[in-house]
Amino acid sequence: MILANDTLSQLWTTLQQRKEQRPAGSYTVQLLEAGENEILKKIGEEAVEVIIAAKGEGDDRVLYELADLIYHSMVLLAARDLSWDAVEAELARRFG
């Protein structure tokens, strides 16, 4: 789990950098500039793709699509000035 937390932490740091620095050509920047409705659309698409993958495309595809879903969910958090730590705190509250 430490590796997973490190990876999520690195992704979160990268998202925050993209949000602040707005480098040209960044997909994250494109999503942020498109706005919340576009981000929500992508989350919906990715959720459907997770379901389709789980229903018959194999574990590798499930993992691929779940990674996309987590990424887009984290972009939504960044766009709303929420933090990944807040998600972890909510999970800890539920299961701690």
N, C-alpha and C. Protein backbone atom coordinates (compact mmCIF):
# COMPACT_ATOMS: atom_id res chain seq x y z
N MET A 1 0.81 -1.21 0.00
CA MET A 1 0.00 0.00 0.00
C MET A 1 0.85 1.27 0.00
N ILE A 2 2.03 1.20 0.54
CA ILE A 2 2.87 2.40 0.57
C ILE A 2 3.16 2.87 -0.85
N LEU A 3 3.44 1.93 -1.74
CA LEU A 3 3.69 2.30 -3.14
C LEU A 3 2.47 2.99 -3.73
N ALA A 4 1.29 2.45 -3.46
CA ALA A 4 0.06 3.07 -3.99
C ALA A 4 -0.08 4.48 -3.46
N ASN A 5 0.13 4.68 -2.17
CA ASN A 5 0.01 6.02 -1.61
C ASN A 5 1.05 6.96 -2.20
N ASP A 6 2.26 6.46 -2.41
CA ASP A 6 3.30 7.28 -3.04
C ASP A 6 2.89 7.67 -4.45
N THR A 7 2.35 6.72 -5.20
CA THR A 7 1.93 6.98 -6.57
C THR A 7 0.79 7.99 -6.60
N LEU A 8 -0.18 7.83 -5.74
CA LEU A 8 -1.29 8.78 -5.68
C LEU A 8 -0.81 10.16 -5.25
N SER A 9 0.12 10.18 -4.33
CA SER A 9 0.68 11.45 -3.88
C SER A 9 1.43 12.15 -5.02
N GLN A 10 2.18 11.39 -5.78
CA GLN A 10 2.90 11.96 -6.93
C GLN A 10 1.93 12.47 -7.98
N LEU A 11 0.87 11.71 -8.23
CA LEU A 11 -0.14 12.16 -9.19
C LEU A 11 -0.78 13.44 -8.69
N TRP A 12 -1.14 13.50 -7.42
CA TRP A 12 -1.76 14.69 -6.87
C TRP A 12 -0.84 15.91 -7.00
N THR A 13 0.44 15.72 -6.71
CA THR A 13 1.42 16.81 -6.84
C THR A 13 1.48 17.28 -8.29
N THR A 14 1.50 16.35 -9.22
CA THR A 14 1.53 16.71 -10.64
C THR A 14 0.28 17.48 -11.05
N LEU A 15 -0.89 17.03 -10.59
CA LEU A 15 -2.13 17.74 -10.91
C LEU A 15 -2.10 19.17 -10.38
N GLN A 16 -1.60 19.34 -9.17
CA GLN A 16 -1.52 20.68 -8.59
C GLN A 16 -0.56 21.56 -9.38
N GLN A 17 0.56 20.99 -9.81
CA GLN A 17 1.51 21.75 -10.63
C GLN A 17 0.88 22.16 -11.95
N ARG A 18 0.16 21.23 -12.58
CA ARG A 18 -0.50 21.55 -13.86
C ARG A 18 -1.53 22.67 -13.66
N LYS A 19 -2.26 22.60 -12.56
CA LYS A 19 -3.27 23.61 -12.26
C LYS A 19 -2.64 24.99 -12.07
N GLU A 20 -1.51 25.04 -11.40
CA GLU A 20 -0.85 26.31 -11.11
C GLU A 20 -0.06 26.84 -12.31
N GLN A 21 0.67 25.97 -12.98
CA GLN A 21 1.59 26.41 -14.03
C GLN A 21 0.96 26.44 -15.41
N ARG A 22 -0.09 25.68 -15.64
CA ARG A 22 -0.81 25.63 -16.91
C ARG A 22 0.09 25.41 -18.13
N PRO A 23 0.91 24.34 -18.12
CA PRO A 23 1.78 24.12 -19.28
C PRO A 23 0.98 23.81 -20.54
N ALA A 24 1.45 24.34 -21.66
CA ALA A 24 0.79 24.11 -22.95
C ALA A 24 0.83 22.63 -23.28
N GLY A 25 -0.26 22.13 -23.85
CA GLY A 25 -0.33 20.75 -24.29
C GLY A 25 -0.70 19.75 -23.21
N SER A 26 -0.90 20.21 -21.99
CA SER A 26 -1.24 19.31 -20.89
C SER A 26 -2.71 18.92 -20.97
N TYR A 27 -2.98 17.62 -20.94
CA TYR A 27 -4.36 17.14 -20.94
C TYR A 27 -5.09 17.61 -19.67
N THR A 28 -4.39 17.60 -18.55
CA THR A 28 -4.99 18.08 -17.30
C THR A 28 -5.43 19.53 -17.44
N VAL A 29 -4.58 20.35 -18.02
CA VAL A 29 -4.93 21.77 -18.23
C VAL A 29 -6.13 21.88 -19.15
N GLN A 30 -6.16 21.08 -20.21
CA GLN A 30 -7.31 21.10 -21.12
C GLN A 30 -8.60 20.79 -20.38
N LEU A 31 -8.57 19.79 -19.51
CA LEU A 31 -9.76 19.45 -18.73
C LEU A 31 -10.15 20.59 -17.80
N LEU A 32 -9.17 21.14 -17.09
CA LEU A 32 -9.46 22.23 -16.16
C LEU A 32 -10.05 23.44 -16.88
N GLU A 33 -9.51 23.75 -18.03
CA GLU A 33 -10.01 24.90 -18.79
C GLU A 33 -11.38 24.62 -19.41
N ALA A 34 -11.67 23.35 -19.70
CA ALA A 34 -12.98 23.00 -20.26
C ALA A 34 -14.08 23.14 -19.20
N GLY A 35 -13.71 23.00 -17.95
CA GLY A 35 -14.66 23.20 -16.86
C GLY A 35 -15.22 21.93 -16.27
N GLU A 36 -15.97 22.14 -15.20
CA GLU A 36 -16.47 21.02 -14.42
C GLU A 36 -17.38 20.09 -15.22
N ASN A 37 -18.23 20.62 -16.08
CA ASN A 37 -19.12 19.74 -16.85
C ASN A 37 -18.33 18.76 -17.71
N GLU A 38 -17.25 19.21 -18.31
CA GLU A 38 -16.43 18.32 -19.13
C GLU A 38 -15.74 17.28 -18.26
N ILE A 39 -15.26 17.68 -17.10
CA ILE A 39 -14.62 16.74 -16.18
C ILE A 39 -15.63 15.68 -15.74
N LEU A 40 -16.84 16.12 -15.40
CA LEU A 40 -17.88 15.18 -14.99
C LEU A 40 -18.24 14.22 -16.12
N LYS A 41 -18.27 14.72 -17.34
CA LYS A 41 -18.53 13.87 -18.51
C LYS A 41 -17.47 12.78 -18.61
N LYS A 42 -16.22 13.15 -18.42
CA LYS A 42 -15.13 12.18 -18.49
C LYS A 42 -15.24 11.15 -17.37
N ILE A 43 -15.61 11.59 -16.17
CA ILE A 43 -15.78 10.66 -15.06
C ILE A 43 -16.89 9.66 -15.40
N GLY A 44 -17.98 10.14 -15.96
CA GLY A 44 -19.06 9.25 -16.36
C GLY A 44 -18.62 8.25 -17.41
N GLU A 45 -17.89 8.72 -18.41
CA GLU A 45 -17.39 7.83 -19.46
C GLU A 45 -16.48 6.76 -18.87
N GLU A 46 -15.59 7.18 -17.99
CA GLU A 46 -14.65 6.23 -17.40
C GLU A 46 -15.37 5.21 -16.51
N ALA A 47 -16.39 5.65 -15.78
CA ALA A 47 -17.15 4.72 -14.94
C ALA A 47 -17.82 3.66 -15.80
N VAL A 48 -18.39 4.07 -16.92
CA VAL A 48 -19.02 3.10 -17.83
C VAL A 48 -17.96 2.15 -18.39
N GLU A 49 -16.79 2.67 -18.71
CA GLU A 49 -15.72 1.82 -19.25
C GLU A 49 -15.23 0.81 -18.21
N VAL A 50 -15.23 1.18 -16.94
CA VAL A 50 -14.88 0.23 -15.87
C VAL A 50 -15.90 -0.90 -15.85
N ILE A 51 -17.16 -0.56 -15.93
CA ILE A 51 -18.22 -1.58 -15.90
C ILE A 51 -18.09 -2.52 -17.09
N ILE A 52 -17.90 -1.96 -18.27
CA ILE A 52 -17.77 -2.79 -19.48
C ILE A 52 -16.55 -3.70 -19.37
N ALA A 53 -15.45 -3.15 -18.89
CA ALA A 53 -14.23 -3.96 -18.73
C ALA A 53 -14.47 -5.10 -17.74
N ALA A 54 -15.13 -4.80 -16.64
CA ALA A 54 -15.38 -5.82 -15.62
C ALA A 54 -16.32 -6.92 -16.11
N LYS A 55 -17.18 -6.58 -17.05
CA LYS A 55 -18.14 -7.55 -17.57
C LYS A 55 -17.58 -8.42 -18.69
N GLY A 56 -16.31 -8.26 -19.05
CA GLY A 56 -15.83 -9.18 -20.06
C GLY A 56 -14.53 -8.84 -20.76
N GLU A 57 -13.82 -7.85 -20.28
CA GLU A 57 -12.58 -7.48 -20.97
C GLU A 57 -11.33 -7.86 -20.20
N GLY A 58 -11.46 -8.49 -19.07
CA GLY A 58 -10.31 -8.98 -18.33
C GLY A 58 -9.76 -7.99 -17.32
N ASP A 59 -8.96 -8.54 -16.43
CA ASP A 59 -8.44 -7.76 -15.31
C ASP A 59 -7.51 -6.63 -15.73
N ASP A 60 -6.69 -6.85 -16.74
CA ASP A 60 -5.80 -5.78 -17.19
C ASP A 60 -6.59 -4.56 -17.64
N ARG A 61 -7.66 -4.81 -18.35
CA ARG A 61 -8.50 -3.70 -18.83
C ARG A 61 -9.23 -3.03 -17.67
N VAL A 62 -9.68 -3.80 -16.69
CA VAL A 62 -10.31 -3.23 -15.50
C VAL A 62 -9.34 -2.28 -14.80
N LEU A 63 -8.11 -2.73 -14.61
CA LEU A 63 -7.11 -1.88 -13.95
C LEU A 63 -6.84 -0.61 -14.75
N TYR A 64 -6.74 -0.73 -16.06
CA TYR A 64 -6.50 0.42 -16.93
C TYR A 64 -7.62 1.45 -16.78
N GLU A 65 -8.86 0.97 -16.84
CA GLU A 65 -10.00 1.88 -16.77
C GLU A 65 -10.17 2.47 -15.37
N LEU A 66 -9.89 1.69 -14.34
CA LEU A 66 -9.96 2.22 -12.98
C LEU A 66 -8.92 3.33 -12.77
N ALA A 67 -7.74 3.15 -13.36
CA ALA A 67 -6.73 4.20 -13.27
C ALA A 67 -7.23 5.49 -13.92
N ASP A 68 -7.88 5.36 -15.07
CA ASP A 68 -8.46 6.54 -15.73
C ASP A 68 -9.52 7.19 -14.86
N LEU A 69 -10.37 6.37 -14.23
CA LEU A 69 -11.43 6.90 -13.38
C LEU A 69 -10.85 7.64 -12.17
N ILE A 70 -9.82 7.08 -11.57
CA ILE A 70 -9.19 7.74 -10.42
C ILE A 70 -8.55 9.05 -10.86
N TYR A 71 -7.84 9.04 -11.98
CA TYR A 71 -7.21 10.26 -12.49
C TYR A 71 -8.26 11.36 -12.69
N HIS A 72 -9.33 11.05 -13.41
CA HIS A 72 -10.35 12.07 -13.69
C HIS A 72 -11.06 12.53 -12.42
N SER A 73 -11.23 11.63 -11.46
CA SER A 73 -11.81 12.02 -10.18
C SER A 73 -10.89 12.98 -9.43
N MET A 74 -9.60 12.74 -9.53
CA MET A 74 -8.64 13.64 -8.88
C MET A 74 -8.61 15.00 -9.57
N VAL A 75 -8.80 15.03 -10.88
CA VAL A 75 -8.89 16.31 -11.58
C VAL A 75 -10.10 17.09 -11.08
N LEU A 76 -11.22 16.40 -10.85
CA LEU A 76 -12.39 17.07 -10.30
C LEU A 76 -12.09 17.67 -8.93
N LEU A 77 -11.41 16.91 -8.09
CA LEU A 77 -11.03 17.44 -6.78
C LEU A 77 -10.19 18.70 -6.92
N ALA A 78 -9.21 18.65 -7.80
CA ALA A 78 -8.33 19.81 -8.01
C ALA A 78 -9.12 21.00 -8.52
N ALA A 79 -10.04 20.77 -9.44
CA ALA A 79 -10.84 21.85 -10.01
C ALA A 79 -11.70 22.51 -8.94
N ARG A 80 -12.13 21.75 -7.95
CA ARG A 80 -13.00 22.27 -6.90
C ARG A 80 -12.21 22.74 -5.67
N ASP A 81 -10.89 22.74 -5.78
CA ASP A 81 -10.03 23.11 -4.65
C ASP A 81 -10.25 22.21 -3.44
N LEU A 82 -10.54 20.95 -3.72
CA LEU A 82 -10.61 19.94 -2.69
C LEU A 82 -9.31 19.15 -2.74
N SER A 83 -9.06 18.33 -1.75
CA SER A 83 -7.79 17.60 -1.74
C SER A 83 -7.99 16.10 -1.69
N TRP A 84 -7.00 15.38 -2.17
CA TRP A 84 -7.01 13.93 -2.08
C TRP A 84 -6.96 13.54 -0.61
N ASP A 85 -6.25 14.31 0.20
CA ASP A 85 -6.20 14.04 1.64
C ASP A 85 -7.60 14.04 2.25
N ALA A 86 -8.49 14.88 1.74
CA ALA A 86 -9.85 14.92 2.26
C ALA A 86 -10.59 13.62 1.94
N VAL A 87 -10.31 13.04 0.79
CA VAL A 87 -10.90 11.75 0.43
C VAL A 87 -10.38 10.67 1.38
N GLU A 88 -9.06 10.68 1.60
CA GLU A 88 -8.48 9.71 2.51
C GLU A 88 -9.03 9.88 3.93
N ALA A 89 -9.23 11.12 4.36
CA ALA A 89 -9.79 11.38 5.68
C ALA A 89 -11.22 10.85 5.77
N GLU A 90 -11.98 11.00 4.71
CA GLU A 90 -13.35 10.48 4.70
C GLU A 90 -13.35 8.96 4.78
N LEU A 91 -12.44 8.33 4.04
CA LEU A 91 -12.34 6.87 4.11
C LEU A 91 -11.92 6.43 5.51
N ALA A 92 -10.97 7.13 6.10
CA ALA A 92 -10.53 6.80 7.46
C ALA A 92 -11.68 6.96 8.46
N ARG A 93 -12.48 8.01 8.27
CA ARG A 93 -13.63 8.24 9.14
C ARG A 93 -14.60 7.07 9.05
N ARG A 94 -14.80 6.57 7.85
CA ARG A 94 -15.73 5.47 7.64
C ARG A 94 -15.23 4.15 8.19
N PHE A 95 -13.93 3.92 8.08
CA PHE A 95 -13.37 2.61 8.40
C PHE A 95 -12.42 2.62 9.58
N GLY A 96 -12.19 3.80 10.15
CA GLY A 96 -11.25 3.89 11.27
C GLY A 96 -11.94 3.66 12.55
